[in-house]
Amino acid sequence: MTIQINENNLKDGLLALVLALVEIIGDVLQHQAFRRMEGGRLTEDEVERLGQALLDLEEALEKIKREQGIFEAVRAVRHGLDDVVDDFLDRVMNPARWRD
């Protein structure tokens, strides 16, 4: 049995995965920034710079997705990763449900 690999689909899929992971990391950074801001651990200048950096990251990701035409591919990867994380968390939080 021969596996047929479409080079364009492979590249788009890999790029979508990378962008989805960068988006997730950006979400975590944003969450941490809010926690630090609410905790009073950031100066006004740091809050401004961090906010601008996160906006710049979001704009860059949107530009790449638009230029490469992979909005839906990134959304699908994020959705798939969310499902995996949800299942994992459910198994950790409700082990009795998953024993059998």
PDB file of N, CA and C in Angstrom:
ATOM      1  N   MET A   1       0.849  -1.173   0.000  1.00  0.00           N
ATOM      2  CA  MET A   1       0.000   0.000   0.000  1.00  0.00           C
ATOM      3  C   MET A   1       0.895   1.236   0.000  1.00  0.00           C
ATOM      4  N   THR A   2       0.662   2.124  -0.938  1.00  0.00           N
ATOM      5  CA  THR A   2       1.437   3.346  -1.058  1.00  0.00           C
ATOM      6  C   THR A   2       0.641   4.509  -0.480  1.00  0.00           C
ATOM      7  N   ILE A   3       1.307   5.310   0.314  1.00  0.00           N
ATOM      8  CA  ILE A   3       0.666   6.493   0.880  1.00  0.00           C
ATOM      9  C   ILE A   3       0.899   7.659  -0.059  1.00  0.00           C
ATOM     10  N   GLN A   4      -0.182   8.306  -0.469  1.00  0.00           N
ATOM     11  CA  GLN A   4      -0.100   9.468  -1.347  1.00  0.00           C
ATOM     12  C   GLN A   4      -0.088  10.731  -0.487  1.00  0.00           C
ATOM     13  N   ILE A   5       0.957  11.512  -0.620  1.00  0.00           N
ATOM     14  CA  ILE A   5       1.077  12.745   0.158  1.00  0.00           C
ATOM     15  C   ILE A   5       1.034  13.924  -0.798  1.00  0.00           C
ATOM     16  N   ASN A   6       0.109  14.816  -0.546  1.00  0.00           N
ATOM     17  CA  ASN A   6       0.006  16.040  -1.315  1.00  0.00           C
ATOM     18  C   ASN A   6       0.875  17.085  -0.615  1.00  0.00           C
ATOM     19  N   GLU A   7       1.922  17.513  -1.287  1.00  0.00           N
ATOM     20  CA  GLU A   7       2.885  18.426  -0.672  1.00  0.00           C
ATOM     21  C   GLU A   7       2.246  19.719  -0.195  1.00  0.00           C
ATOM     22  N   ASN A   8       1.309  20.271  -0.960  1.00  0.00           N
ATOM     23  CA  ASN A   8       0.651  21.514  -0.551  1.00  0.00           C
ATOM     24  C   ASN A   8      -0.194  21.318   0.702  1.00  0.00           C
ATOM     25  N   ASN A   9      -0.935  20.210   0.760  1.00  0.00           N
ATOM     26  CA  ASN A   9      -1.738  19.933   1.949  1.00  0.00           C
ATOM     27  C   ASN A   9      -0.856  19.722   3.170  1.00  0.00           C
ATOM     28  N   LEU A  10       0.268  19.051   2.974  1.00  0.00           N
ATOM     29  CA  LEU A  10       1.192  18.809   4.065  1.00  0.00           C
ATOM     30  C   LEU A  10       1.751  20.125   4.601  1.00  0.00           C
ATOM     31  N   LYS A  11       2.165  21.018   3.702  1.00  0.00           N
ATOM     32  CA  LYS A  11       2.694  22.319   4.108  1.00  0.00           C
ATOM     33  C   LYS A  11       1.634  23.142   4.821  1.00  0.00           C
ATOM     34  N   ASP A  12       0.424  23.178   4.254  1.00  0.00           N
ATOM     35  CA  ASP A  12      -0.663  23.935   4.874  1.00  0.00           C
ATOM     36  C   ASP A  12      -1.009  23.376   6.246  1.00  0.00           C
ATOM     37  N   GLY A  13      -1.039  22.060   6.359  1.00  0.00           N
ATOM     38  CA  GLY A  13      -1.346  21.424   7.636  1.00  0.00           C
ATOM     39  C   GLY A  13      -0.298  21.717   8.685  1.00  0.00           C
ATOM     40  N   LEU A  14       0.953  21.653   8.292  1.00  0.00           N
ATOM     41  CA  LEU A  14       2.031  21.942   9.238  1.00  0.00           C
ATOM     42  C   LEU A  14       2.007  23.405   9.649  1.00  0.00           C
ATOM     43  N   LEU A  15       1.803  24.300   8.699  1.00  0.00           N
ATOM     44  CA  LEU A  15       1.718  25.723   9.013  1.00  0.00           C
ATOM     45  C   LEU A  15       0.523  26.000   9.916  1.00  0.00           C
ATOM     46  N   ALA A  16      -0.601  25.355   9.653  1.00  0.00           N
ATOM     47  CA  ALA A  16      -1.788  25.526  10.495  1.00  0.00           C
ATOM     48  C   ALA A  16      -1.509  25.065  11.919  1.00  0.00           C
ATOM     49  N   LEU A  17      -0.810  23.942  12.062  1.00  0.00           N
ATOM     50  CA  LEU A  17      -0.464  23.443  13.392  1.00  0.00           C
ATOM     51  C   LEU A  17       0.433  24.430  14.122  1.00  0.00           C
ATOM     52  N   VAL A  18       1.456  24.927  13.446  1.00  0.00           N
ATOM     53  CA  VAL A  18       2.376  25.886  14.067  1.00  0.00           C
ATOM     54  C   VAL A  18       1.630  27.149  14.487  1.00  0.00           C
ATOM     55  N   LEU A  19       0.785  27.674  13.603  1.00  0.00           N
ATOM     56  CA  LEU A  19       0.041  28.890  13.932  1.00  0.00           C
ATOM     57  C   LEU A  19      -0.936  28.656  15.076  1.00  0.00           C
ATOM     58  N   ALA A  20      -1.576  27.496  15.098  1.00  0.00           N
ATOM     59  CA  ALA A  20      -2.490  27.181  16.200  1.00  0.00           C
ATOM     60  C   ALA A  20      -1.732  27.138  17.525  1.00  0.00           C
ATOM     61  N   LEU A  21      -0.558  26.538  17.522  1.00  0.00           N
ATOM     62  CA  LEU A  21       0.243  26.482  18.748  1.00  0.00           C
ATOM     63  C   LEU A  21       0.699  27.872  19.176  1.00  0.00           C
ATOM     64  N   VAL A  22       1.088  28.705  18.223  1.00  0.00           N
ATOM     65  CA  VAL A  22       1.487  30.083  18.556  1.00  0.00           C
ATOM     66  C   VAL A  22       0.290  30.847  19.115  1.00  0.00           C
ATOM     67  N   GLU A  23      -0.896  30.641  18.546  1.00  0.00           N
ATOM     68  CA  GLU A  23      -2.097  31.277  19.085  1.00  0.00           C
ATOM     69  C   GLU A  23      -2.358  30.837  20.522  1.00  0.00           C
ATOM     70  N   ILE A  24      -2.199  29.570  20.789  1.00  0.00           N
ATOM     71  CA  ILE A  24      -2.422  29.051  22.140  1.00  0.00           C
ATOM     72  C   ILE A  24      -1.410  29.655  23.109  1.00  0.00           C
ATOM     73  N   ILE A  25      -0.170  29.715  22.701  1.00  0.00           N
ATOM     74  CA  ILE A  25       0.858  30.339  23.549  1.00  0.00           C
ATOM     75  C   ILE A  25       0.515  31.808  23.784  1.00  0.00           C
ATOM     76  N   GLY A  26       0.045  32.494  22.743  1.00  0.00           N
ATOM     77  CA  GLY A  26      -0.380  33.882  22.899  1.00  0.00           C
ATOM     78  C   GLY A  26      -1.523  34.022  23.892  1.00  0.00           C
ATOM     79  N   ASP A  27      -2.472  33.081  23.853  1.00  0.00           N
ATOM     80  CA  ASP A  27      -3.581  33.098  24.818  1.00  0.00           C
ATOM     81  C   ASP A  27      -3.062  32.937  26.243  1.00  0.00           C
ATOM     82  N   VAL A  28      -2.113  32.045  26.436  1.00  0.00           N
ATOM     83  CA  VAL A  28      -1.530  31.829  27.764  1.00  0.00           C
ATOM     84  C   VAL A  28      -0.777  33.085  28.220  1.00  0.00           C
ATOM     85  N   LEU A  29      -0.011  33.691  27.321  1.00  0.00           N
ATOM     86  CA  LEU A  29       0.699  34.924  27.661  1.00  0.00           C
ATOM     87  C   LEU A  29      -0.274  36.029  28.045  1.00  0.00           C
ATOM     88  N   GLN A  30      -1.371  36.128  27.321  1.00  0.00           N
ATOM     89  CA  GLN A  30      -2.373  37.143  27.624  1.00  0.00           C
ATOM     90  C   GLN A  30      -2.984  36.892  29.004  1.00  0.00           C
ATOM     91  N   HIS A  31      -3.285  35.641  29.297  1.00  0.00           N
ATOM     92  CA  HIS A  31      -3.836  35.286  30.604  1.00  0.00           C
ATOM     93  C   HIS A  31      -2.854  35.656  31.722  1.00  0.00           C
ATOM     94  N   GLN A  32      -1.591  35.321  31.522  1.00  0.00           N
ATOM     95  CA  GLN A  32      -0.577  35.654  32.518  1.00  0.00           C
ATOM     96  C   GLN A  32      -0.426  37.165  32.670  1.00  0.00           C
ATOM     97  N   ALA A  33      -0.499  37.887  31.567  1.00  0.00           N
ATOM     98  CA  ALA A  33      -0.383  39.347  31.622  1.00  0.00           C
ATOM     99  C   ALA A  33      -1.517  39.932  32.457  1.00  0.00           C
ATOM    100  N   PHE A  34      -2.745  39.434  32.246  1.00  0.00           N
ATOM    101  CA  PHE A  34      -3.878  39.919  33.039  1.00  0.00           C
ATOM    102  C   PHE A  34      -3.676  39.623  34.520  1.00  0.00           C
ATOM    103  N   ARG A  35      -3.214  38.429  34.817  1.00  0.00           N
ATOM    104  CA  ARG A  35      -2.968  38.075  36.231  1.00  0.00           C
ATOM    105  C   ARG A  35      -1.941  39.000  36.863  1.00  0.00           C
ATOM    106  N   ARG A  36      -0.858  39.246  36.145  1.00  0.00           N
ATOM    107  CA  ARG A  36       0.175  40.132  36.679  1.00  0.00           C
ATOM    108  C   ARG A  36      -0.308  41.566  36.790  1.00  0.00           C
ATOM    109  N   MET A  37      -1.101  41.995  35.816  1.00  0.00           N
ATOM    110  CA  MET A  37      -1.632  43.353  35.844  1.00  0.00           C
ATOM    111  C   MET A  37      -2.582  43.512  37.034  1.00  0.00           C
ATOM    112  N   GLU A  38      -3.492  42.563  37.200  1.00  0.00           N
ATOM    113  CA  GLU A  38      -4.434  42.616  38.318  1.00  0.00           C
ATOM    114  C   GLU A  38      -3.728  42.507  39.662  1.00  0.00           C
ATOM    115  N   GLY A  39      -2.609  41.804  39.689  1.00  0.00           N
ATOM    116  CA  GLY A  39      -1.840  41.647  40.923  1.00  0.00           C
ATOM    117  C   GLY A  39      -0.931  42.830  41.207  1.00  0.00           C
ATOM    118  N   GLY A  40      -0.923  43.801  40.305  1.00  0.00           N
ATOM    119  CA  GLY A  40      -0.108  44.991  40.523  1.00  0.00           C
ATOM    120  C   GLY A  40       1.382  44.772  40.332  1.00  0.00           C
ATOM    121  N   ARG A  41       1.743  43.722  39.591  1.00  0.00           N
ATOM    122  CA  ARG A  41       3.166  43.407  39.415  1.00  0.00           C
ATOM    123  C   ARG A  41       3.762  44.017  38.154  1.00  0.00           C
ATOM    124  N   LEU A  42       2.964  44.790  37.407  1.00  0.00           N
ATOM    125  CA  LEU A  42       3.465  45.421  36.191  1.00  0.00           C
ATOM    126  C   LEU A  42       3.289  46.934  36.281  1.00  0.00           C
ATOM    127  N   THR A  43       4.264  47.652  35.782  1.00  0.00           N
ATOM    128  CA  THR A  43       4.143  49.101  35.712  1.00  0.00           C
ATOM    129  C   THR A  43       3.222  49.458  34.544  1.00  0.00           C
ATOM    130  N   GLU A  44       2.779  50.705  34.507  1.00  0.00           N
ATOM    131  CA  GLU A  44       1.937  51.144  33.383  1.00  0.00           C
ATOM    132  C   GLU A  44       2.661  50.975  32.059  1.00  0.00           C
ATOM    133  N   ASP A  45       3.950  51.283  32.040  1.00  0.00           N
ATOM    134  CA  ASP A  45       4.745  51.140  30.814  1.00  0.00           C
ATOM    135  C   ASP A  45       4.828  49.671  30.390  1.00  0.00           C
ATOM    136  N   GLU A  46       5.014  48.776  31.346  1.00  0.00           N
ATOM    137  CA  GLU A  46       5.078  47.347  31.028  1.00  0.00           C
ATOM    138  C   GLU A  46       3.742  46.840  30.495  1.00  0.00           C
ATOM    139  N   VAL A  47       2.651  47.318  31.091  1.00  0.00           N
ATOM    140  CA  VAL A  47       1.316  46.926  30.621  1.00  0.00           C
ATOM    141  C   VAL A  47       1.120  47.392  29.182  1.00  0.00           C
ATOM    142  N   GLU A  48       1.509  48.630  28.898  1.00  0.00           N
ATOM    143  CA  GLU A  48       1.368  49.178  27.552  1.00  0.00           C
ATOM    144  C   GLU A  48       2.206  48.393  26.538  1.00  0.00           C
ATOM    145  N   ARG A  49       3.456  48.123  26.878  1.00  0.00           N
ATOM    146  CA  ARG A  49       4.333  47.382  25.958  1.00  0.00           C
ATOM    147  C   ARG A  49       3.849  45.961  25.745  1.00  0.00           C
ATOM    148  N   LEU A  50       3.424  45.318  26.811  1.00  0.00           N
ATOM    149  CA  LEU A  50       2.934  43.946  26.706  1.00  0.00           C
ATOM    150  C   LEU A  50       1.655  43.891  25.874  1.00  0.00           C
ATOM    151  N   GLY A  51       0.752  44.826  26.109  1.00  0.00           N
ATOM    152  CA  GLY A  51      -0.475  44.888  25.322  1.00  0.00           C
ATOM    153  C   GLY A  51      -0.179  45.087  23.843  1.00  0.00           C
ATOM    154  N   GLN A  52       0.764  45.980  23.546  1.00  0.00           N
ATOM    155  CA  GLN A  52       1.118  46.233  22.149  1.00  0.00           C
ATOM    156  C   GLN A  52       1.767  45.004  21.516  1.00  0.00           C
ATOM    157  N   ALA A  53       2.615  44.326  22.262  1.00  0.00           N
ATOM    158  CA  ALA A  53       3.275  43.124  21.739  1.00  0.00           C
ATOM    159  C   ALA A  53       2.247  42.035  21.433  1.00  0.00           C
ATOM    160  N   LEU A  54       1.257  41.871  22.303  1.00  0.00           N
ATOM    161  CA  LEU A  54       0.220  40.864  22.063  1.00  0.00           C
ATOM    162  C   LEU A  54      -0.642  41.233  20.853  1.00  0.00           C
ATOM    163  N   LEU A  55      -0.951  42.517  20.706  1.00  0.00           N
ATOM    164  CA  LEU A  55      -1.694  42.965  19.523  1.00  0.00           C
ATOM    165  C   LEU A  55      -0.891  42.736  18.247  1.00  0.00           C
ATOM    166  N   ASP A  56       0.399  43.055  18.307  1.00  0.00           N
ATOM    167  CA  ASP A  56       1.267  42.842  17.142  1.00  0.00           C
ATOM    168  C   ASP A  56       1.322  41.365  16.759  1.00  0.00           C
ATOM    169  N   LEU A  57       1.401  40.504  17.766  1.00  0.00           N
ATOM    170  CA  LEU A  57       1.423  39.060  17.504  1.00  0.00           C
ATOM    171  C   LEU A  57       0.126  38.616  16.832  1.00  0.00           C
ATOM    172  N   GLU A  58      -1.001  39.089  17.361  1.00  0.00           N
ATOM    173  CA  GLU A  58      -2.297  38.722  16.782  1.00  0.00           C
ATOM    174  C   GLU A  58      -2.411  39.208  15.338  1.00  0.00           C
ATOM    175  N   GLU A  59      -1.976  40.430  15.071  1.00  0.00           N
ATOM    176  CA  GLU A  59      -2.028  40.962  13.712  1.00  0.00           C
ATOM    177  C   GLU A  59      -1.137  40.163  12.764  1.00  0.00           C
ATOM    178  N   ALA A  60       0.048  39.790  13.235  1.00  0.00           N
ATOM    179  CA  ALA A  60       0.967  39.015  12.401  1.00  0.00           C
ATOM    180  C   ALA A  60       0.376  37.646  12.071  1.00  0.00           C
ATOM    181  N   LEU A  61      -0.248  37.006  13.052  1.00  0.00           N
ATOM    182  CA  LEU A  61      -0.862  35.700  12.816  1.00  0.00           C
ATOM    183  C   LEU A  61      -2.017  35.812  11.827  1.00  0.00           C
ATOM    184  N   GLU A  62      -2.837  36.843  11.983  1.00  0.00           N
ATOM    185  CA  GLU A  62      -3.958  37.045  11.059  1.00  0.00           C
ATOM    186  C   GLU A  62      -3.449  37.298   9.644  1.00  0.00           C
ATOM    187  N   LYS A  63      -2.381  38.049   9.516  1.00  0.00           N
ATOM    188  CA  LYS A  63      -1.805  38.334   8.199  1.00  0.00           C
ATOM    189  C   LYS A  63      -1.304  37.048   7.533  1.00  0.00           C
ATOM    190  N   ILE A  64      -0.607  36.228   8.299  1.00  0.00           N
ATOM    191  CA  ILE A  64      -0.094  34.964   7.755  1.00  0.00           C
ATOM    192  C   ILE A  64      -1.247  34.067   7.324  1.00  0.00           C
ATOM    193  N   LYS A  65      -2.281  33.962   8.166  1.00  0.00           N
ATOM    194  CA  LYS A  65      -3.431  33.116   7.819  1.00  0.00           C
ATOM    195  C   LYS A  65      -4.120  33.628   6.555  1.00  0.00           C
ATOM    196  N   ARG A  66      -4.247  34.942   6.450  1.00  0.00           N
ATOM    197  CA  ARG A  66      -4.885  35.525   5.266  1.00  0.00           C
ATOM    198  C   ARG A  66      -4.040  35.277   4.018  1.00  0.00           C
ATOM    199  N   GLU A  67      -2.742  35.545   4.115  1.00  0.00           N
ATOM    200  CA  GLU A  67      -1.856  35.373   2.957  1.00  0.00           C
ATOM    201  C   GLU A  67      -1.782  33.916   2.500  1.00  0.00           C
ATOM    202  N   GLN A  68      -1.819  33.002   3.435  1.00  0.00           N
ATOM    203  CA  GLN A  68      -1.697  31.577   3.100  1.00  0.00           C
ATOM    204  C   GLN A  68      -3.054  30.908   2.869  1.00  0.00           C
ATOM    205  N   GLY A  69      -4.132  31.626   3.175  1.00  0.00           N
ATOM    206  CA  GLY A  69      -5.463  31.063   2.971  1.00  0.00           C
ATOM    207  C   GLY A  69      -5.762  29.867   3.865  1.00  0.00           C
ATOM    208  N   ILE A  70      -5.342  29.947   5.127  1.00  0.00           N
ATOM    209  CA  ILE A  70      -5.487  28.790   6.021  1.00  0.00           C
ATOM    210  C   ILE A  70      -6.297  29.098   7.284  1.00  0.00           C
ATOM    211  N   PHE A  71      -7.204  30.072   7.201  1.00  0.00           N
ATOM    212  CA  PHE A  71      -8.040  30.376   8.368  1.00  0.00           C
ATOM    213  C   PHE A  71      -8.745  29.135   8.886  1.00  0.00           C
ATOM    214  N   GLU A  72      -9.418  28.427   7.994  1.00  0.00           N
ATOM    215  CA  GLU A  72     -10.201  27.251   8.403  1.00  0.00           C
ATOM    216  C   GLU A  72      -9.307  26.127   8.918  1.00  0.00           C
ATOM    217  N   ALA A  73      -8.142  25.957   8.320  1.00  0.00           N
ATOM    218  CA  ALA A  73      -7.226  24.901   8.770  1.00  0.00           C
ATOM    219  C   ALA A  73      -6.760  25.172  10.196  1.00  0.00           C
ATOM    220  N   VAL A  74      -6.436  26.426  10.497  1.00  0.00           N
ATOM    221  CA  VAL A  74      -5.999  26.776  11.857  1.00  0.00           C
ATOM    222  C   VAL A  74      -7.149  26.576  12.835  1.00  0.00           C
ATOM    223  N   ARG A  75      -8.344  26.996  12.443  1.00  0.00           N
ATOM    224  CA  ARG A  75      -9.523  26.830  13.311  1.00  0.00           C
ATOM    225  C   ARG A  75      -9.764  25.344  13.587  1.00  0.00           C
ATOM    226  N   ALA A  76      -9.615  24.503  12.577  1.00  0.00           N
ATOM    227  CA  ALA A  76      -9.824  23.059  12.742  1.00  0.00           C
ATOM    228  C   ALA A  76      -8.783  22.455  13.680  1.00  0.00           C
ATOM    229  N   VAL A  77      -7.538  22.882  13.545  1.00  0.00           N
ATOM    230  CA  VAL A  77      -6.484  22.380  14.434  1.00  0.00           C
ATOM    231  C   VAL A  77      -6.768  22.803  15.867  1.00  0.00           C
ATOM    232  N   ARG A  78      -7.130  24.076  16.065  1.00  0.00           N
ATOM    233  CA  ARG A  78      -7.443  24.557  17.419  1.00  0.00           C
ATOM    234  C   ARG A  78      -8.606  23.770  18.011  1.00  0.00           C
ATOM    235  N   HIS A  79      -9.625  23.531  17.200  1.00  0.00           N
ATOM    236  CA  HIS A  79     -10.781  22.775  17.685  1.00  0.00           C
ATOM    237  C   HIS A  79     -10.360  21.353  18.086  1.00  0.00           C
ATOM    238  N   GLY A  80      -9.552  20.719  17.265  1.00  0.00           N
ATOM    239  CA  GLY A  80      -9.074  19.380  17.582  1.00  0.00           C
ATOM    240  C   GLY A  80      -8.238  19.349  18.849  1.00  0.00           C
ATOM    241  N   LEU A  81      -7.369  20.340  19.009  1.00  0.00           N
ATOM    242  CA  LEU A  81      -6.549  20.414  20.223  1.00  0.00           C
ATOM    243  C   LEU A  81      -7.412  20.680  21.448  1.00  0.00           C
ATOM    244  N   ASP A  82      -8.431  21.523  21.306  1.00  0.00           N
ATOM    245  CA  ASP A  82      -9.350  21.777  22.412  1.00  0.00           C
ATOM    246  C   ASP A  82     -10.039  20.498  22.850  1.00  0.00           C
ATOM    247  N   ASP A  83     -10.457  19.675  21.882  1.00  0.00           N
ATOM    248  CA  ASP A  83     -11.105  18.403  22.212  1.00  0.00           C
ATOM    249  C   ASP A  83     -10.162  17.484  22.977  1.00  0.00           C
ATOM    250  N   VAL A  84      -8.922  17.425  22.564  1.00  0.00           N
ATOM    251  CA  VAL A  84      -7.930  16.578  23.247  1.00  0.00           C
ATOM    252  C   VAL A  84      -7.726  17.058  24.685  1.00  0.00           C
ATOM    253  N   VAL A  85      -7.585  18.353  24.856  1.00  0.00           N
ATOM    254  CA  VAL A  85      -7.383  18.917  26.198  1.00  0.00           C
ATOM    255  C   VAL A  85      -8.620  18.690  27.059  1.00  0.00           C
ATOM    256  N   ASP A  86      -9.804  18.897  26.503  1.00  0.00           N
ATOM    257  CA  ASP A  86     -11.041  18.665  27.260  1.00  0.00           C
ATOM    258  C   ASP A  86     -11.130  17.215  27.735  1.00  0.00           C
ATOM    259  N   ASP A  87     -10.827  16.275  26.852  1.00  0.00           N
ATOM    260  CA  ASP A  87     -10.849  14.861  27.237  1.00  0.00           C
ATOM    261  C   ASP A  87      -9.840  14.572  28.330  1.00  0.00           C
ATOM    262  N   PHE A  88      -8.629  15.120  28.192  1.00  0.00           N
ATOM    263  CA  PHE A  88      -7.593  14.898  29.200  1.00  0.00           C
ATOM    264  C   PHE A  88      -8.033  15.439  30.558  1.00  0.00           C
ATOM    265  N   LEU A  89      -8.534  16.678  30.560  1.00  0.00           N
ATOM    266  CA  LEU A  89      -8.966  17.275  31.822  1.00  0.00           C
ATOM    267  C   LEU A  89     -10.120  16.502  32.441  1.00  0.00           C
ATOM    268  N   ASP A  90     -11.025  16.020  31.609  1.00  0.00           N
ATOM    269  CA  ASP A  90     -12.142  15.230  32.124  1.00  0.00           C
ATOM    270  C   ASP A  90     -11.630  13.944  32.767  1.00  0.00           C
ATOM    271  N   ARG A  91     -10.642  13.314  32.143  1.00  0.00           N
ATOM    272  CA  ARG A  91     -10.072  12.087  32.712  1.00  0.00           C
ATOM    273  C   ARG A  91      -9.371  12.358  34.043  1.00  0.00           C
ATOM    274  N   VAL A  92      -8.713  13.497  34.152  1.00  0.00           N
ATOM    275  CA  VAL A  92      -8.010  13.839  35.392  1.00  0.00           C
ATOM    276  C   VAL A  92      -9.011  14.196  36.488  1.00  0.00           C
ATOM    277  N   MET A  93     -10.045  14.942  36.126  1.00  0.00           N
ATOM    278  CA  MET A  93     -10.991  15.422  37.125  1.00  0.00           C
ATOM    279  C   MET A  93     -12.066  14.409  37.476  1.00  0.00           C
ATOM    280  N   ASN A  94     -12.329  13.455  36.582  1.00  0.00           N
ATOM    281  CA  ASN A  94     -13.373  12.443  36.791  1.00  0.00           C
ATOM    282  C   ASN A  94     -12.851  11.040  36.490  1.00  0.00           C
ATOM    283  N   PRO A  95     -11.841  10.589  37.235  1.00  0.00           N
ATOM    284  CA  PRO A  95     -11.222   9.300  36.904  1.00  0.00           C
ATOM    285  C   PRO A  95     -12.172   8.110  36.994  1.00  0.00           C
ATOM    286  N   ALA A  96     -13.167   8.181  37.865  1.00  0.00           N
ATOM    287  CA  ALA A  96     -14.081   7.052  38.001  1.00  0.00           C
ATOM    288  C   ALA A  96     -14.877   6.821  36.717  1.00  0.00           C
ATOM    289  N   ARG A  97     -15.198   7.849  36.015  1.00  0.00           N
ATOM    290  CA  ARG A  97     -15.959   7.738  34.771  1.00  0.00           C
ATOM    291  C   ARG A  97     -15.159   7.038  33.684  1.00  0.00           C
ATOM    292  N   TRP A  98     -13.825   7.085  33.766  1.00  0.00           N
ATOM    293  CA  TRP A  98     -12.972   6.559  32.696  1.00  0.00           C
ATOM    294  C   TRP A  98     -12.318   5.228  33.038  1.00  0.00           C
ATOM    295  N   ARG A  99     -12.603   4.652  34.200  1.00  0.00           N
ATOM    296  CA  ARG A  99     -11.934   3.405  34.608  1.00  0.00           C
ATOM    297  C   ARG A  99     -12.233   2.243  33.682  1.00  0.00           C
ATOM    298  N   ASP A 100     -13.433   2.139  33.198  1.00  0.00           N
ATOM    299  CA  ASP A 100     -13.805   0.981  32.377  1.00  0.00           C
ATOM    300  C   ASP A 100     -13.497   1.213  30.981  1.00  0.00           C
TER     301      ASP A 100
END
